[in-house]
């Protein structure tokens, strides 16, 4: 989920086969322009709120287990600046930290 640092609606996405993702905001493609904090919630990976079942693209696949701090946009350490047009991003995660790489 991309949560705007300033006011605005959050964008949600689905992690697809191979790790690719795309974001939607209130039914529109993409995220609002500006700085966002990022959180990642994998269905079945954490205790607590889960994403709706229809957001799981491959329910028969093994669920990825991520450290809990990635589920909180304030604790994930992940931020991105969304610009107009296509934004190609790569999220690299480890047990302790993550980083966002802007790809051209």
PDB file of N, CA and C in Angstrom:
ATOM      1  N   UNK A   1       0.848  -1.169   0.000  1.00  0.00           N
ATOM      2  CA  UNK A   1       0.000   0.000   0.000  1.00  0.00           C
ATOM      3  C   UNK A   1       0.894   1.231   0.000  1.00  0.00           C
ATOM      4  N   UNK A   2       0.553   2.205  -0.817  1.00  0.00           N
ATOM      5  CA  UNK A   2       1.228   3.496  -0.845  1.00  0.00           C
ATOM      6  C   UNK A   2       0.321   4.482  -0.104  1.00  0.00           C
ATOM      7  N   UNK A   3       0.820   5.036   1.000  1.00  0.00           N
ATOM      8  CA  UNK A   3       0.053   5.980   1.804  1.00  0.00           C
ATOM      9  C   UNK A   3       0.671   7.365   1.644  1.00  0.00           C
ATOM     10  N   UNK A   4      -0.073   8.332   1.084  1.00  0.00           N
ATOM     11  CA  UNK A   4       0.492   9.674   0.882  1.00  0.00           C
ATOM     12  C   UNK A   4       0.931  10.309   2.196  1.00  0.00           C
ATOM     13  N   UNK A   5       2.092  10.955   2.174  1.00  0.00           N
ATOM     14  CA  UNK A   5       2.575  11.676   3.348  1.00  0.00           C
ATOM     15  C   UNK A   5       1.664  12.870   3.594  1.00  0.00           C
ATOM     16  N   UNK A   6       1.244  13.544   2.512  1.00  0.00           N
ATOM     17  CA  UNK A   6       0.260  14.620   2.614  1.00  0.00           C
ATOM     18  C   UNK A   6      -1.119  14.001   2.435  1.00  0.00           C
ATOM     19  N   UNK A   7      -2.144  14.810   2.429  1.00  0.00           N
ATOM     20  CA  UNK A   7      -3.502  14.297   2.263  1.00  0.00           C
ATOM     21  C   UNK A   7      -3.684  13.631   0.906  1.00  0.00           C
ATOM     22  N   UNK A   8      -4.586  12.672   0.875  1.00  0.00           N
ATOM     23  CA  UNK A   8      -4.914  11.987  -0.363  1.00  0.00           C
ATOM     24  C   UNK A   8      -5.216  10.530  -0.095  1.00  0.00           C
ATOM     25  N   UNK A   9      -5.867   9.880  -1.049  1.00  0.00           N
ATOM     26  CA  UNK A   9      -6.219   8.473  -0.868  1.00  0.00           C
ATOM     27  C   UNK A   9      -5.005   7.556  -1.038  1.00  0.00           C
ATOM     28  N   UNK A  10      -4.999   6.466  -0.288  1.00  0.00           N
ATOM     29  CA  UNK A  10      -3.947   5.453  -0.414  1.00  0.00           C
ATOM     30  C   UNK A  10      -4.160   4.635  -1.679  1.00  0.00           C
ATOM     31  N   UNK A  11      -3.069   4.093  -2.199  1.00  0.00           N
ATOM     32  CA  UNK A  11      -3.121   3.204  -3.363  1.00  0.00           C
ATOM     33  C   UNK A  11      -2.827   1.781  -2.896  1.00  0.00           C
ATOM     34  N   UNK A  12      -3.558   0.831  -3.465  1.00  0.00           N
ATOM     35  CA  UNK A  12      -3.354  -0.576  -3.138  1.00  0.00           C
ATOM     36  C   UNK A  12      -2.926  -1.321  -4.382  1.00  0.00           C
ATOM     37  N   UNK A  13      -2.214  -2.399  -4.176  1.00  0.00           N
ATOM     38  CA  UNK A  13      -1.768  -3.195  -5.306  1.00  0.00           C
ATOM     39  C   UNK A  13      -1.796  -4.673  -4.981  1.00  0.00           C
ATOM     40  N   UNK A  14      -1.585  -5.457  -6.007  1.00  0.00           N
ATOM     41  CA  UNK A  14      -1.532  -6.903  -5.880  1.00  0.00           C
ATOM     42  C   UNK A  14      -0.158  -7.354  -6.350  1.00  0.00           C
ATOM     43  N   UNK A  15       0.497  -8.152  -5.532  1.00  0.00           N
ATOM     44  CA  UNK A  15       1.781  -8.713  -5.927  1.00  0.00           C
ATOM     45  C   UNK A  15       1.488  -9.930  -6.787  1.00  0.00           C
ATOM     46  N   UNK A  16       1.965  -9.896  -8.021  1.00  0.00           N
ATOM     47  CA  UNK A  16       1.683 -10.965  -8.974  1.00  0.00           C
ATOM     48  C   UNK A  16       2.846 -11.935  -9.076  1.00  0.00           C
ATOM     49  N   UNK A  17       2.654 -12.956  -9.876  1.00  0.00           N
ATOM     50  CA  UNK A  17       3.692 -13.934 -10.163  1.00  0.00           C
ATOM     51  C   UNK A  17       4.979 -13.215 -10.562  1.00  0.00           C
ATOM     52  N   UNK A  18       6.098 -13.604 -10.000  1.00  0.00           N
ATOM     53  CA  UNK A  18       7.370 -12.976 -10.322  1.00  0.00           C
ATOM     54  C   UNK A  18       7.642 -11.705  -9.550  1.00  0.00           C
ATOM     55  N   UNK A  19       6.725 -11.295  -8.657  1.00  0.00           N
ATOM     56  CA  UNK A  19       6.932 -10.123  -7.817  1.00  0.00           C
ATOM     57  C   UNK A  19       6.506  -8.797  -8.414  1.00  0.00           C
ATOM     58  N   UNK A  20       5.981  -8.791  -9.627  1.00  0.00           N
ATOM     59  CA  UNK A  20       5.522  -7.539 -10.236  1.00  0.00           C
ATOM     60  C   UNK A  20       4.268  -7.047  -9.515  1.00  0.00           C
ATOM     61  N   UNK A  21       4.100  -5.738  -9.494  1.00  0.00           N
ATOM     62  CA  UNK A  21       2.907  -5.154  -8.884  1.00  0.00           C
ATOM     63  C   UNK A  21       2.515  -3.895  -9.620  1.00  0.00           C
ATOM     64  N   UNK A  22       1.244  -3.544  -9.517  1.00  0.00           N
ATOM     65  CA  UNK A  22       0.751  -2.269 -10.014  1.00  0.00           C
ATOM     66  C   UNK A  22      -0.233  -1.747  -8.980  1.00  0.00           C
ATOM     67  N   UNK A  23      -0.380  -0.441  -8.934  1.00  0.00           N
ATOM     68  CA  UNK A  23      -1.187   0.202  -7.906  1.00  0.00           C
ATOM     69  C   UNK A  23      -2.479   0.768  -8.492  1.00  0.00           C
ATOM     70  N   UNK A  24      -3.524   0.797  -7.664  1.00  0.00           N
ATOM     71  CA  UNK A  24      -4.779   1.454  -8.021  1.00  0.00           C
ATOM     72  C   UNK A  24      -5.227   2.316  -6.841  1.00  0.00           C
ATOM     73  N   UNK A  25      -5.874   3.429  -7.163  1.00  0.00           N
ATOM     74  CA  UNK A  25      -6.390   4.349  -6.151  1.00  0.00           C
ATOM     75  C   UNK A  25      -7.852   4.604  -6.446  1.00  0.00           C
ATOM     76  N   UNK A  26      -8.721   4.191  -5.558  1.00  0.00           N
ATOM     77  CA  UNK A  26     -10.162   4.388  -5.690  1.00  0.00           C
ATOM     78  C   UNK A  26     -10.622   4.054  -7.113  1.00  0.00           C
ATOM     79  N   UNK A  27     -10.215   2.884  -7.608  1.00  0.00           N
ATOM     80  CA  UNK A  27     -10.654   2.414  -8.908  1.00  0.00           C
ATOM     81  C   UNK A  27      -9.859   2.919 -10.095  1.00  0.00           C
ATOM     82  N   UNK A  28      -8.959   3.892  -9.893  1.00  0.00           N
ATOM     83  CA  UNK A  28      -8.135   4.417 -10.982  1.00  0.00           C
ATOM     84  C   UNK A  28      -6.749   3.780 -10.937  1.00  0.00           C
ATOM     85  N   UNK A  29      -6.125   3.651 -12.087  1.00  0.00           N
ATOM     86  CA  UNK A  29      -4.780   3.094 -12.159  1.00  0.00           C
ATOM     87  C   UNK A  29      -3.774   4.078 -11.580  1.00  0.00           C
ATOM     88  N   UNK A  30      -2.841   3.576 -10.777  1.00  0.00           N
ATOM     89  CA  UNK A  30      -1.754   4.398 -10.251  1.00  0.00           C
ATOM     90  C   UNK A  30      -1.996   4.912  -8.855  1.00  0.00           C
ATOM     91  N   UNK A  31      -1.079   5.745  -8.405  1.00  0.00           N
ATOM     92  CA  UNK A  31      -1.135   6.380  -7.087  1.00  0.00           C
ATOM     93  C   UNK A  31      -1.115   7.892  -7.293  1.00  0.00           C
ATOM     94  N   UNK A  32      -1.604   8.632  -6.307  1.00  0.00           N
ATOM     95  CA  UNK A  32      -1.587  10.094  -6.426  1.00  0.00           C
ATOM     96  C   UNK A  32      -0.139  10.582  -6.455  1.00  0.00           C
ATOM     97  N   UNK A  33       0.102  11.683  -7.131  1.00  0.00           N
ATOM     98  CA  UNK A  33       1.440  12.253  -7.239  1.00  0.00           C
ATOM     99  C   UNK A  33       1.883  12.777  -5.882  1.00  0.00           C
ATOM    100  N   UNK A  34       3.136  12.538  -5.548  1.00  0.00           N
ATOM    101  CA  UNK A  34       3.702  13.020  -4.291  1.00  0.00           C
ATOM    102  C   UNK A  34       4.429  11.929  -3.536  1.00  0.00           C
ATOM    103  N   UNK A  35       4.866  12.276  -2.329  1.00  0.00           N
ATOM    104  CA  UNK A  35       5.635  11.361  -1.489  1.00  0.00           C
ATOM    105  C   UNK A  35       4.705  10.395  -0.754  1.00  0.00           C
ATOM    106  N   UNK A  36       5.108   9.119  -0.727  1.00  0.00           N
ATOM    107  CA  UNK A  36       4.312   8.071  -0.091  1.00  0.00           C
ATOM    108  C   UNK A  36       5.165   7.243   0.851  1.00  0.00           C
ATOM    109  N   UNK A  37       4.552   6.771   1.933  1.00  0.00           N
ATOM    110  CA  UNK A  37       5.139   5.745   2.777  1.00  0.00           C
ATOM    111  C   UNK A  37       4.558   4.416   2.304  1.00  0.00           C
ATOM    112  N   UNK A  38       5.369   3.375   2.304  1.00  0.00           N
ATOM    113  CA  UNK A  38       4.956   2.091   1.750  1.00  0.00           C
ATOM    114  C   UNK A  38       4.809   1.057   2.856  1.00  0.00           C
ATOM    115  N   UNK A  39       3.734   0.285   2.772  1.00  0.00           N
ATOM    116  CA  UNK A  39       3.562  -0.881   3.638  1.00  0.00           C
ATOM    117  C   UNK A  39       3.247  -2.080   2.751  1.00  0.00           C
ATOM    118  N   UNK A  40       3.627  -3.251   3.230  1.00  0.00           N
ATOM    119  CA  UNK A  40       3.402  -4.480   2.474  1.00  0.00           C
ATOM    120  C   UNK A  40       2.752  -5.493   3.404  1.00  0.00           C
ATOM    121  N   UNK A  41       1.572  -5.952   3.019  1.00  0.00           N
ATOM    122  CA  UNK A  41       0.867  -6.977   3.789  1.00  0.00           C
ATOM    123  C   UNK A  41       0.606  -8.149   2.858  1.00  0.00           C
ATOM    124  N   UNK A  42       1.123  -9.289   3.219  1.00  0.00           N
ATOM    125  CA  UNK A  42       0.910 -10.506   2.450  1.00  0.00           C
ATOM    126  C   UNK A  42      -0.196 -11.285   3.136  1.00  0.00           C
ATOM    127  N   UNK A  43      -1.295 -11.599   2.438  1.00  0.00           N
ATOM    128  CA  UNK A  43      -2.391 -12.348   3.064  1.00  0.00           C
ATOM    129  C   UNK A  43      -1.885 -13.631   3.711  1.00  0.00           C
ATOM    130  N   UNK A  44      -2.272 -13.815   4.962  1.00  0.00           N
ATOM    131  CA  UNK A  44      -1.892 -15.024   5.683  1.00  0.00           C
ATOM    132  C   UNK A  44      -0.531 -14.947   6.340  1.00  0.00           C
ATOM    133  N   UNK A  45       0.223 -13.857   6.120  1.00  0.00           N
ATOM    134  CA  UNK A  45       1.574 -13.771   6.662  1.00  0.00           C
ATOM    135  C   UNK A  45       1.617 -13.154   8.058  1.00  0.00           C
ATOM    136  N   UNK A  46       0.618 -12.371   8.428  1.00  0.00           N
ATOM    137  CA  UNK A  46       0.622 -11.678   9.706  1.00  0.00           C
ATOM    138  C   UNK A  46      -0.662 -11.947  10.461  1.00  0.00           C
ATOM    139  N   UNK A  47      -0.590 -11.825  11.783  1.00  0.00           N
ATOM    140  CA  UNK A  47      -1.818 -11.838  12.572  1.00  0.00           C
ATOM    141  C   UNK A  47      -2.457 -10.470  12.409  1.00  0.00           C
ATOM    142  N   UNK A  48      -3.766 -10.412  12.460  1.00  0.00           N
ATOM    143  CA  UNK A  48      -4.437  -9.132  12.347  1.00  0.00           C
ATOM    144  C   UNK A  48      -5.143  -8.987  11.024  1.00  0.00           C
ATOM    145  N   UNK A  49      -5.415  -7.742  10.584  1.00  0.00           N
ATOM    146  CA  UNK A  49      -6.192  -7.515   9.366  1.00  0.00           C
ATOM    147  C   UNK A  49      -5.528  -8.134   8.142  1.00  0.00           C
ATOM    148  N   UNK A  50      -6.312  -8.726   7.303  1.00  0.00           N
ATOM    149  CA  UNK A  50      -5.824  -9.348   6.080  1.00  0.00           C
ATOM    150  C   UNK A  50      -6.460  -8.672   4.877  1.00  0.00           C
ATOM    151  N   UNK A  51      -5.824  -8.806   3.748  1.00  0.00           N
ATOM    152  CA  UNK A  51      -6.411  -8.296   2.522  1.00  0.00           C
ATOM    153  C   UNK A  51      -7.573  -9.173   2.116  1.00  0.00           C
ATOM    154  N   UNK A  52      -8.550  -8.627   1.405  1.00  0.00           N
ATOM    155  CA  UNK A  52      -9.669  -9.439   0.948  1.00  0.00           C
ATOM    156  C   UNK A  52      -9.198 -10.615   0.109  1.00  0.00           C
ATOM    157  N   UNK A  53      -9.892 -11.728   0.211  1.00  0.00           N
ATOM    158  CA  UNK A  53      -9.524 -12.951  -0.496  1.00  0.00           C
ATOM    159  C   UNK A  53      -9.386 -12.730  -1.998  1.00  0.00           C
ATOM    160  N   UNK A  54     -10.196 -11.823  -2.561  1.00  0.00           N
ATOM    161  CA  UNK A  54     -10.133 -11.598  -4.009  1.00  0.00           C
ATOM    162  C   UNK A  54      -8.872 -10.865  -4.441  1.00  0.00           C
ATOM    163  N   UNK A  55      -8.042 -10.388  -3.508  1.00  0.00           N
ATOM    164  CA  UNK A  55      -6.787  -9.727  -3.859  1.00  0.00           C
ATOM    165  C   UNK A  55      -5.629 -10.715  -3.941  1.00  0.00           C
ATOM    166  N   UNK A  56      -5.883 -11.979  -3.652  1.00  0.00           N
ATOM    167  CA  UNK A  56      -4.831 -12.990  -3.722  1.00  0.00           C
ATOM    168  C   UNK A  56      -4.853 -13.589  -5.118  1.00  0.00           C
ATOM    169  N   UNK A  57      -3.820 -13.321  -5.902  1.00  0.00           N
ATOM    170  CA  UNK A  57      -3.774 -13.792  -7.286  1.00  0.00           C
ATOM    171  C   UNK A  57      -3.545 -15.298  -7.378  1.00  0.00           C
ATOM    172  N   UNK A  58      -2.707 -15.848  -6.504  1.00  0.00           N
ATOM    173  CA  UNK A  58      -2.357 -17.262  -6.571  1.00  0.00           C
ATOM    174  C   UNK A  58      -2.581 -17.912  -5.209  1.00  0.00           C
ATOM    175  N   UNK A  59      -3.846 -18.165  -4.821  1.00  0.00           N
ATOM    176  CA  UNK A  59      -4.116 -18.675  -3.479  1.00  0.00           C
ATOM    177  C   UNK A  59      -3.501 -20.039  -3.196  1.00  0.00           C
ATOM    178  N   UNK A  60      -3.115 -20.793  -4.225  1.00  0.00           N
ATOM    179  CA  UNK A  60      -2.525 -22.106  -4.000  1.00  0.00           C
ATOM    180  C   UNK A  60      -1.016 -22.030  -3.782  1.00  0.00           C
ATOM    181  N   UNK A  61      -0.435 -20.870  -4.008  1.00  0.00           N
ATOM    182  CA  UNK A  61       1.005 -20.693  -3.823  1.00  0.00           C
ATOM    183  C   UNK A  61       1.319 -20.548  -2.338  1.00  0.00           C
ATOM    184  N   UNK A  62       2.557 -20.882  -1.970  1.00  0.00           N
ATOM    185  CA  UNK A  62       3.011 -20.708  -0.599  1.00  0.00           C
ATOM    186  C   UNK A  62       3.000 -19.219  -0.251  1.00  0.00           C
ATOM    187  N   UNK A  63       2.553 -18.895   0.946  1.00  0.00           N
ATOM    188  CA  UNK A  63       2.490 -17.506   1.392  1.00  0.00           C
ATOM    189  C   UNK A  63       3.884 -17.055   1.815  1.00  0.00           C
ATOM    190  N   UNK A  64       4.288 -15.883   1.344  1.00  0.00           N
ATOM    191  CA  UNK A  64       5.571 -15.301   1.699  1.00  0.00           C
ATOM    192  C   UNK A  64       5.480 -14.735   3.111  1.00  0.00           C
ATOM    193  N   UNK A  65       6.460 -15.034   3.933  1.00  0.00           N
ATOM    194  CA  UNK A  65       6.480 -14.547   5.306  1.00  0.00           C
ATOM    195  C   UNK A  65       7.429 -13.358   5.395  1.00  0.00           C
ATOM    196  N   UNK A  66       6.891 -12.179   5.678  1.00  0.00           N
ATOM    197  CA  UNK A  66       7.695 -10.967   5.795  1.00  0.00           C
ATOM    198  C   UNK A  66       7.750 -10.521   7.246  1.00  0.00           C
ATOM    199  N   UNK A  67       8.836  -9.861   7.658  1.00  0.00           N
ATOM    200  CA  UNK A  67       8.885  -9.283   8.999  1.00  0.00           C
ATOM    201  C   UNK A  67       7.718  -8.304   9.193  1.00  0.00           C
ATOM    202  N   UNK A  68       7.181  -8.287  10.391  1.00  0.00           N
ATOM    203  CA  UNK A  68       5.976  -7.507  10.691  1.00  0.00           C
ATOM    204  C   UNK A  68       6.121  -6.007  10.439  1.00  0.00           C
ATOM    205  N   UNK A  69       7.333  -5.448  10.602  1.00  0.00           N
ATOM    206  CA  UNK A  69       7.479  -3.991  10.445  1.00  0.00           C
ATOM    207  C   UNK A  69       7.143  -3.517   9.034  1.00  0.00           C
ATOM    208  N   UNK A  70       7.213  -4.394   8.027  1.00  0.00           N
ATOM    209  CA  UNK A  70       6.858  -3.987   6.667  1.00  0.00           C
ATOM    210  C   UNK A  70       5.354  -3.728   6.509  1.00  0.00           C
ATOM    211  N   UNK A  71       4.534  -4.214   7.436  1.00  0.00           N
ATOM    212  CA  UNK A  71       3.086  -4.003   7.345  1.00  0.00           C
ATOM    213  C   UNK A  71       2.658  -2.636   7.866  1.00  0.00           C
ATOM    214  N   UNK A  72       3.581  -1.865   8.453  1.00  0.00           N
ATOM    215  CA  UNK A  72       3.279  -0.558   9.030  1.00  0.00           C
ATOM    216  C   UNK A  72       4.018   0.517   8.227  1.00  0.00           C
ATOM    217  N   UNK A  73       3.293   1.412   7.553  1.00  0.00           N
ATOM    218  CA  UNK A  73       3.975   2.424   6.728  1.00  0.00           C
ATOM    219  C   UNK A  73       4.908   3.326   7.531  1.00  0.00           C
ATOM    220  N   UNK A  74       4.676   3.489   8.814  1.00  0.00           N
ATOM    221  CA  UNK A  74       5.539   4.332   9.650  1.00  0.00           C
ATOM    222  C   UNK A  74       6.805   3.597  10.080  1.00  0.00           C
ATOM    223  N   UNK A  75       6.794   2.251  10.054  1.00  0.00           N
ATOM    224  CA  UNK A  75       7.938   1.457  10.511  1.00  0.00           C
ATOM    225  C   UNK A  75       8.658   0.712   9.387  1.00  0.00           C
ATOM    226  N   UNK A  76       8.094   0.710   8.186  1.00  0.00           N
ATOM    227  CA  UNK A  76       8.679  -0.089   7.110  1.00  0.00           C
ATOM    228  C   UNK A  76      10.015   0.465   6.618  1.00  0.00           C
ATOM    229  N   UNK A  77      10.204   1.786   6.745  1.00  0.00           N
ATOM    230  CA  UNK A  77      11.410   2.408   6.226  1.00  0.00           C
ATOM    231  C   UNK A  77      11.378   2.618   4.721  1.00  0.00           C
ATOM    232  N   UNK A  78      10.229   2.339   4.098  1.00  0.00           N
ATOM    233  CA  UNK A  78      10.096   2.449   2.647  1.00  0.00           C
ATOM    234  C   UNK A  78       9.301   3.699   2.280  1.00  0.00           C
ATOM    235  N   UNK A  79       9.882   4.543   1.435  1.00  0.00           N
ATOM    236  CA  UNK A  79       9.198   5.728   0.927  1.00  0.00           C
ATOM    237  C   UNK A  79       9.499   5.866  -0.559  1.00  0.00           C
ATOM    238  N   UNK A  80       8.576   6.488  -1.260  1.00  0.00           N
ATOM    239  CA  UNK A  80       8.760   6.714  -2.689  1.00  0.00           C
ATOM    240  C   UNK A  80       8.098   8.029  -3.079  1.00  0.00           C
ATOM    241  N   UNK A  81       8.678   8.701  -4.066  1.00  0.00           N
ATOM    242  CA  UNK A  81       8.078   9.891  -4.657  1.00  0.00           C
ATOM    243  C   UNK A  81       7.434   9.461  -5.967  1.00  0.00           C
ATOM    244  N   UNK A  82       6.110   9.579  -6.054  1.00  0.00           N
ATOM    245  CA  UNK A  82       5.377   9.211  -7.269  1.00  0.00           C
ATOM    246  C   UNK A  82       5.293  10.443  -8.158  1.00  0.00           C
ATOM    247  N   UNK A  83       5.698  10.270  -9.425  1.00  0.00           N
ATOM    248  CA  UNK A  83       5.672  11.352 -10.407  1.00  0.00           C
ATOM    249  C   UNK A  83       4.579  11.074 -11.437  1.00  0.00           C
ATOM    250  N   UNK A  84       4.198  12.087 -12.198  1.00  0.00           N
ATOM    251  CA  UNK A  84       3.222  11.909 -13.280  1.00  0.00           C
ATOM    252  C   UNK A  84       3.780  10.909 -14.293  1.00  0.00           C
ATOM    253  N   UNK A  85       2.915  10.104 -14.869  1.00  0.00           N
ATOM    254  CA  UNK A  85       3.339   9.114 -15.865  1.00  0.00           C
ATOM    255  C   UNK A  85       3.712   7.794 -15.212  1.00  0.00           C
ATOM    256  N   UNK A  86       4.399   6.955 -15.967  1.00  0.00           N
ATOM    257  CA  UNK A  86       4.810   5.642 -15.458  1.00  0.00           C
ATOM    258  C   UNK A  86       5.935   5.793 -14.440  1.00  0.00           C
ATOM    259  N   UNK A  87       5.832   5.033 -13.356  1.00  0.00           N
ATOM    260  CA  UNK A  87       6.867   4.975 -12.334  1.00  0.00           C
ATOM    261  C   UNK A  87       7.264   3.511 -12.201  1.00  0.00           C
ATOM    262  N   UNK A  88       8.476   3.173 -12.582  1.00  0.00           N
ATOM    263  CA  UNK A  88       8.954   1.803 -12.472  1.00  0.00           C
ATOM    264  C   UNK A  88       9.807   1.681 -11.216  1.00  0.00           C
ATOM    265  N   UNK A  89       9.311   0.927 -10.264  1.00  0.00           N
ATOM    266  CA  UNK A  89       9.967   0.805  -8.974  1.00  0.00           C
ATOM    267  C   UNK A  89      10.285  -0.647  -8.676  1.00  0.00           C
ATOM    268  N   UNK A  90      11.337  -0.849  -7.927  1.00  0.00           N
ATOM    269  CA  UNK A  90      11.704  -2.175  -7.459  1.00  0.00           C
ATOM    270  C   UNK A  90      11.877  -2.074  -5.948  1.00  0.00           C
ATOM    271  N   UNK A  91      11.208  -2.948  -5.199  1.00  0.00           N
ATOM    272  CA  UNK A  91      11.357  -2.988  -3.754  1.00  0.00           C
ATOM    273  C   UNK A  91      12.276  -4.149  -3.405  1.00  0.00           C
ATOM    274  N   UNK A  92      13.359  -3.865  -2.707  1.00  0.00           N
ATOM    275  CA  UNK A  92      14.259  -4.911  -2.243  1.00  0.00           C
ATOM    276  C   UNK A  92      14.115  -5.013  -0.733  1.00  0.00           C
ATOM    277  N   UNK A  93      13.787  -6.204  -0.257  1.00  0.00           N
ATOM    278  CA  UNK A  93      13.519  -6.422   1.160  1.00  0.00           C
ATOM    279  C   UNK A  93      14.456  -7.463   1.738  1.00  0.00           C
ATOM    280  N   UNK A  94      14.833  -7.261   2.988  1.00  0.00           N
ATOM    281  CA  UNK A  94      15.586  -8.261   3.737  1.00  0.00           C
ATOM    282  C   UNK A  94      14.880  -8.426   5.078  1.00  0.00           C
ATOM    283  N   UNK A  95      15.425  -9.227   5.952  1.00  0.00           N
ATOM    284  CA  UNK A  95      14.800  -9.424   7.265  1.00  0.00           C
ATOM    285  C   UNK A  95      14.707  -8.132   8.067  1.00  0.00           C
ATOM    286  N   UNK A  96      15.659  -7.244   7.896  1.00  0.00           N
ATOM    287  CA  UNK A  96      15.709  -6.048   8.730  1.00  0.00           C
ATOM    288  C   UNK A  96      15.346  -4.753   8.029  1.00  0.00           C
ATOM    289  N   UNK A  97      15.566  -4.688   6.708  1.00  0.00           N
ATOM    290  CA  UNK A  97      15.336  -3.405   6.039  1.00  0.00           C
ATOM    291  C   UNK A  97      14.898  -3.625   4.592  1.00  0.00           C
ATOM    292  N   UNK A  98      14.498  -2.531   3.999  1.00  0.00           N
ATOM    293  CA  UNK A  98      14.117  -2.568   2.596  1.00  0.00           C
ATOM    294  C   UNK A  98      14.543  -1.274   1.930  1.00  0.00           C
ATOM    295  N   UNK A  99      14.566  -1.279   0.616  1.00  0.00           N
ATOM    296  CA  UNK A  99      14.858  -0.055  -0.116  1.00  0.00           C
ATOM    297  C   UNK A  99      14.051  -0.043  -1.407  1.00  0.00           C
ATOM    298  N   UNK A 100      13.813   1.166  -1.880  1.00  0.00           N
ATOM    299  CA  UNK A 100      13.076   1.380  -3.122  1.00  0.00           C
ATOM    300  C   UNK A 100      14.076   1.837  -4.174  1.00  0.00           C
ATOM    301  N   UNK A 101      14.077   1.160  -5.314  1.00  0.00           N
ATOM    302  CA  UNK A 101      14.960   1.515  -6.422  1.00  0.00           C
ATOM    303  C   UNK A 101      14.090   1.989  -7.567  1.00  0.00           C
ATOM    304  N   UNK A 102      14.370   3.185  -8.083  1.00  0.00           N
ATOM    305  CA  UNK A 102      13.651   3.698  -9.242  1.00  0.00           C
ATOM    306  C   UNK A 102      14.364   3.197 -10.484  1.00  0.00           C
ATOM    307  N   UNK A 103      13.607   2.476 -11.325  1.00  0.00           N
ATOM    308  CA  UNK A 103      14.178   1.939 -12.557  1.00  0.00           C
ATOM    309  C   UNK A 103      13.705   2.775 -13.735  1.00  0.00           C
ATOM    310  N   UNK A 104      14.560   2.926 -14.730  1.00  0.00           N
ATOM    311  CA  UNK A 104      14.175   3.711 -15.904  1.00  0.00           C
ATOM    312  C   UNK A 104      13.697   2.808 -17.011  1.00  0.00           C
TER     313      UNK A 104
END
